[in-house]
Amino acid sequence: MIELVGQPERLSFTVFVWDEVLKFARLYGWKPAGTLPPDEADAEERAAWDGNYVTNGGQSVSPNDAWALGEALARGLSDLPDHYAAAHKTIPGEVEGRPTRLVPVGAPISPIEALSGENKAAVEELIAFCCKGGFEIG
């Protein structure tokens, strides 16, 4: 799970959905500024920091970058179908003891398909979250 921490809110995404969110935002014009290293990072870790958005390392997304992410997601929101557009590519499965539909590893799926249906509501939540300012991933 990827956890986004803002004050006072928290949002969680599966690694798969978060990766698709980042791809989708890029499709709609987001140019990632890169994350800042965790506050507790030492000088060597800061020098080697790669600016990633994909680990739960306590890295920070700046307010401007968060706003830009939210704006890009908002631009693409109307392109996300209300129904799950990748249903025909899924197989039955289970996540945390709950039945669900899973996309097999390696199955071609677009960010629009991945973020459609119930994931669209998560994108809407993330847009509102990003409008409130910077946040940490971790």
C-alpha atoms as a PDB file:
ATOM      1  CA  MET A   1       0.000   0.000   0.000  1.00  0.00           C
ATOM      2  CA  ILE A   2       1.021   3.577  -0.643  1.00  0.00           C
ATOM      3  CA  GLU A   3      -0.097   6.003   2.039  1.00  0.00           C
ATOM      4  CA  LEU A   4      -0.354   9.740   1.434  1.00  0.00           C
ATOM      5  CA  VAL A   5      -0.229  11.816   4.590  1.00  0.00           C
ATOM      6  CA  GLY A   6      -1.488  15.388   4.693  1.00  0.00           C
ATOM      7  CA  GLN A   7      -2.809  17.282   7.649  1.00  0.00           C
ATOM      8  CA  PRO A   8      -5.192  16.039   8.914  1.00  0.00           C
ATOM      9  CA  GLU A   9      -6.029  13.522   6.155  1.00  0.00           C
ATOM     10  CA  ARG A  10      -4.596  10.269   4.910  1.00  0.00           C
ATOM     11  CA  LEU A  11      -5.277   8.428   1.669  1.00  0.00           C
ATOM     12  CA  SER A  12      -4.188   4.905   0.800  1.00  0.00           C
ATOM     13  CA  PHE A  13      -3.776   3.294  -2.598  1.00  0.00           C
ATOM     14  CA  THR A  14      -2.595  -0.085  -3.773  1.00  0.00           C
ATOM     15  CA  VAL A  15       0.786   0.115  -5.467  1.00  0.00           C
ATOM     16  CA  PHE A  16      -0.926  -0.749  -8.762  1.00  0.00           C
ATOM     17  CA  VAL A  17      -3.527   2.040  -8.509  1.00  0.00           C
ATOM     18  CA  TRP A  18      -0.937   4.616  -7.365  1.00  0.00           C
ATOM     19  CA  ASP A  19       1.280   3.757 -10.340  1.00  0.00           C
ATOM     20  CA  GLU A  20      -1.699   4.204 -12.663  1.00  0.00           C
ATOM     21  CA  VAL A  21      -2.567   7.538 -10.993  1.00  0.00           C
ATOM     22  CA  LEU A  22       0.953   8.803 -11.717  1.00  0.00           C
ATOM     23  CA  LYS A  23       0.769   7.631 -15.355  1.00  0.00           C
ATOM     24  CA  PHE A  24      -2.688   9.183 -15.781  1.00  0.00           C
ATOM     25  CA  ALA A  25      -1.531  12.524 -14.360  1.00  0.00           C
ATOM     26  CA  ARG A  26       1.404  12.579 -16.785  1.00  0.00           C
ATOM     27  CA  LEU A  27      -0.995  11.902 -19.678  1.00  0.00           C
ATOM     28  CA  TYR A  28      -2.878  15.044 -18.674  1.00  0.00           C
ATOM     29  CA  GLY A  29       0.132  17.301 -18.379  1.00  0.00           C
ATOM     30  CA  TRP A  30       1.623  16.781 -14.922  1.00  0.00           C
ATOM     31  CA  LYS A  31       5.383  17.307 -14.940  1.00  0.00           C
ATOM     32  CA  PRO A  32       6.632  15.784 -11.681  1.00  0.00           C
ATOM     33  CA  ALA A  33       8.913  18.116  -9.761  1.00  0.00           C
ATOM     34  CA  GLY A  34      10.354  15.194  -7.818  1.00  0.00           C
ATOM     35  CA  THR A  35       9.873  14.494  -4.152  1.00  0.00           C
ATOM     36  CA  LEU A  36      12.031  15.834  -1.354  1.00  0.00           C
ATOM     37  CA  PRO A  37      13.858  13.356   0.881  1.00  0.00           C
ATOM     38  CA  PRO A  38      12.408  12.457   4.281  1.00  0.00           C
ATOM     39  CA  ASP A  39      13.152  14.939   7.059  1.00  0.00           C
ATOM     40  CA  GLU A  40      15.200  12.352   8.945  1.00  0.00           C
ATOM     41  CA  ALA A  41      17.483  11.624   5.964  1.00  0.00           C
ATOM     42  CA  ASP A  42      21.158  12.277   6.602  1.00  0.00           C
ATOM     43  CA  ALA A  43      23.425  14.273   4.269  1.00  0.00           C
ATOM     44  CA  GLU A  44      24.485  11.198   2.290  1.00  0.00           C
ATOM     45  CA  GLU A  45      20.874  10.045   1.797  1.00  0.00           C
ATOM     46  CA  ARG A  46      19.867  13.563   0.752  1.00  0.00           C
ATOM     47  CA  ALA A  47      22.669  13.710  -1.816  1.00  0.00           C
ATOM     48  CA  ALA A  48      21.599  10.359  -3.287  1.00  0.00           C
ATOM     49  CA  TRP A  49      17.834  11.066  -3.200  1.00  0.00           C
ATOM     50  CA  ASP A  50      16.180  10.175  -6.518  1.00  0.00           C
ATOM     51  CA  GLY A  51      12.924  12.162  -6.111  1.00  0.00           C
ATOM     52  CA  ASN A  52      10.685   9.103  -6.453  1.00  0.00           C
ATOM     53  CA  TYR A  53       6.951   8.948  -5.810  1.00  0.00           C
ATOM     54  CA  VAL A  54       6.696   5.159  -5.555  1.00  0.00           C
ATOM     55  CA  THR A  55       8.022   4.181  -2.143  1.00  0.00           C
ATOM     56  CA  ASN A  56       6.655   4.738   1.342  1.00  0.00           C
ATOM     57  CA  GLY A  57       9.843   6.474   2.391  1.00  0.00           C
ATOM     58  CA  GLY A  58       8.455   9.549   4.097  1.00  0.00           C
ATOM     59  CA  GLN A  59       9.378  11.748   1.142  1.00  0.00           C
ATOM     60  CA  SER A  60       7.532  15.031   0.649  1.00  0.00           C
ATOM     61  CA  VAL A  61       5.548  16.323  -2.295  1.00  0.00           C
ATOM     62  CA  SER A  62       5.712  20.131  -2.378  1.00  0.00           C
ATOM     63  CA  PRO A  63       2.515  22.190  -2.307  1.00  0.00           C
ATOM     64  CA  ASN A  64       3.095  23.354  -5.904  1.00  0.00           C
ATOM     65  CA  ASP A  65       3.717  19.805  -7.133  1.00  0.00           C
ATOM     66  CA  ALA A  66       0.645  18.520  -5.257  1.00  0.00           C
ATOM     67  CA  TRP A  67      -1.461  21.269  -6.830  1.00  0.00           C
ATOM     68  CA  ALA A  68      -0.105  20.434 -10.311  1.00  0.00           C
ATOM     69  CA  LEU A  69      -0.839  16.737  -9.741  1.00  0.00           C
ATOM     70  CA  GLY A  70      -4.404  17.542  -8.698  1.00  0.00           C
ATOM     71  CA  GLU A  71      -4.914  19.869 -11.679  1.00  0.00           C
ATOM     72  CA  ALA A  72      -3.744  17.205 -14.144  1.00  0.00           C
ATOM     73  CA  LEU A  73      -6.021  14.608 -12.568  1.00  0.00           C
ATOM     74  CA  ALA A  74      -8.937  17.040 -12.741  1.00  0.00           C
ATOM     75  CA  ARG A  75      -8.280  17.668 -16.454  1.00  0.00           C
ATOM     76  CA  GLY A  76      -8.609  13.961 -17.160  1.00  0.00           C
ATOM     77  CA  LEU A  77     -11.427  13.118 -14.757  1.00  0.00           C
ATOM     78  CA  SER A  78     -14.215  13.366 -17.332  1.00  0.00           C
ATOM     79  CA  ASP A  79     -12.409  10.779 -19.480  1.00  0.00           C
ATOM     80  CA  LEU A  80     -12.694   8.136 -16.744  1.00  0.00           C
ATOM     81  CA  PRO A  81     -15.758   5.920 -17.285  1.00  0.00           C
ATOM     82  CA  ASP A  82     -18.108   5.417 -14.354  1.00  0.00           C
ATOM     83  CA  HIS A  83     -18.087   1.664 -15.037  1.00  0.00           C
ATOM     84  CA  TYR A  84     -14.941  -0.447 -14.646  1.00  0.00           C
ATOM     85  CA  ALA A  85     -13.633  -0.410 -18.204  1.00  0.00           C
ATOM     86  CA  ALA A  86     -11.080  -3.194 -17.634  1.00  0.00           C
ATOM     87  CA  ALA A  87     -13.571  -5.759 -16.299  1.00  0.00           C
ATOM     88  CA  HIS A  88     -13.088  -7.939 -19.378  1.00  0.00           C
ATOM     89  CA  LYS A  89      -9.352  -8.194 -18.583  1.00  0.00           C
ATOM     90  CA  THR A  90      -9.710  -9.290 -14.939  1.00  0.00           C
ATOM     91  CA  ILE A  91      -9.827 -12.593 -13.091  1.00  0.00           C
ATOM     92  CA  PRO A  92     -11.536 -13.389  -9.762  1.00  0.00           C
ATOM     93  CA  GLY A  93      -9.296 -12.928  -6.727  1.00  0.00           C
ATOM     94  CA  GLU A  94      -9.068 -11.763  -3.159  1.00  0.00           C
ATOM     95  CA  VAL A  95      -7.459  -8.769  -1.429  1.00  0.00           C
ATOM     96  CA  GLU A  96      -7.253  -8.653   2.366  1.00  0.00           C
ATOM     97  CA  GLY A  97      -9.840 -11.408   2.603  1.00  0.00           C
ATOM     98  CA  ARG A  98     -12.341  -9.664   0.338  1.00  0.00           C
ATOM     99  CA  PRO A  99     -13.343 -11.021  -3.066  1.00  0.00           C
ATOM    100  CA  THR A 100     -12.387  -8.755  -5.921  1.00  0.00           C
ATOM    101  CA  ARG A 101     -11.354  -8.748  -9.561  1.00  0.00           C
ATOM    102  CA  LEU A 102      -7.616  -8.714 -10.281  1.00  0.00           C
ATOM    103  CA  VAL A 103      -5.709  -7.712 -13.380  1.00  0.00           C
ATOM    104  CA  PRO A 104      -3.261 -10.492 -14.252  1.00  0.00           C
ATOM    105  CA  VAL A 105       0.420  -9.545 -14.237  1.00  0.00           C
ATOM    106  CA  GLY A 106       1.436  -8.410 -17.684  1.00  0.00           C
ATOM    107  CA  ALA A 107      -2.112  -7.802 -18.927  1.00  0.00           C
ATOM    108  CA  PRO A 108      -2.202  -4.642 -21.034  1.00  0.00           C
ATOM    109  CA  ILE A 109      -4.287  -2.061 -19.218  1.00  0.00           C
ATOM    110  CA  SER A 110      -4.370   1.679 -19.720  1.00  0.00           C
ATOM    111  CA  PRO A 111      -4.475   4.200 -16.889  1.00  0.00           C
ATOM    112  CA  ILE A 112      -7.978   5.184 -18.031  1.00  0.00           C
ATOM    113  CA  GLU A 113      -9.149   1.577 -17.728  1.00  0.00           C
ATOM    114  CA  ALA A 114      -7.387   1.093 -14.398  1.00  0.00           C
ATOM    115  CA  LEU A 115      -8.843   4.240 -12.830  1.00  0.00           C
ATOM    116  CA  SER A 116     -12.389   3.793 -14.102  1.00  0.00           C
ATOM    117  CA  GLY A 117     -15.345   2.528 -12.068  1.00  0.00           C
ATOM    118  CA  GLU A 118     -14.901   2.605  -8.300  1.00  0.00           C
ATOM    119  CA  ASN A 119     -11.329   3.874  -8.696  1.00  0.00           C
ATOM    120  CA  LYS A 120     -12.728   7.083 -10.209  1.00  0.00           C
ATOM    121  CA  ALA A 121     -13.994   8.082  -6.751  1.00  0.00           C
ATOM    122  CA  ALA A 122     -10.465   7.601  -5.384  1.00  0.00           C
ATOM    123  CA  VAL A 123      -9.139   9.939  -8.093  1.00  0.00           C
ATOM    124  CA  GLU A 124     -11.751  12.521  -7.085  1.00  0.00           C
ATOM    125  CA  GLU A 125     -10.638  12.200  -3.442  1.00  0.00           C
ATOM    126  CA  LEU A 126      -7.024  12.621  -4.474  1.00  0.00           C
ATOM    127  CA  ILE A 127      -7.839  15.779  -6.440  1.00  0.00           C
ATOM    128  CA  ALA A 128      -9.400  17.335  -3.335  1.00  0.00           C
ATOM    129  CA  PHE A 129      -6.476  16.100  -1.200  1.00  0.00           C
ATOM    130  CA  CYS A 130      -3.906  17.663  -3.554  1.00  0.00           C
ATOM    131  CA  CYS A 131      -5.717  21.010  -3.487  1.00  0.00           C
ATOM    132  CA  LYS A 132      -5.036  21.228   0.255  1.00  0.00           C
ATOM    133  CA  GLY A 133      -1.271  21.407  -0.198  1.00  0.00           C
ATOM    134  CA  GLY A 134       1.826  19.272   0.039  1.00  0.00           C
ATOM    135  CA  PHE A 135       1.937  15.846   1.586  1.00  0.00           C
ATOM    136  CA  GLU A 136       4.228  12.989   2.509  1.00  0.00           C
ATOM    137  CA  ILE A 137       4.325   9.553   0.963  1.00  0.00           C
ATOM    138  CA  GLY A 138       4.784   7.103   3.732  1.00  0.00           C
END
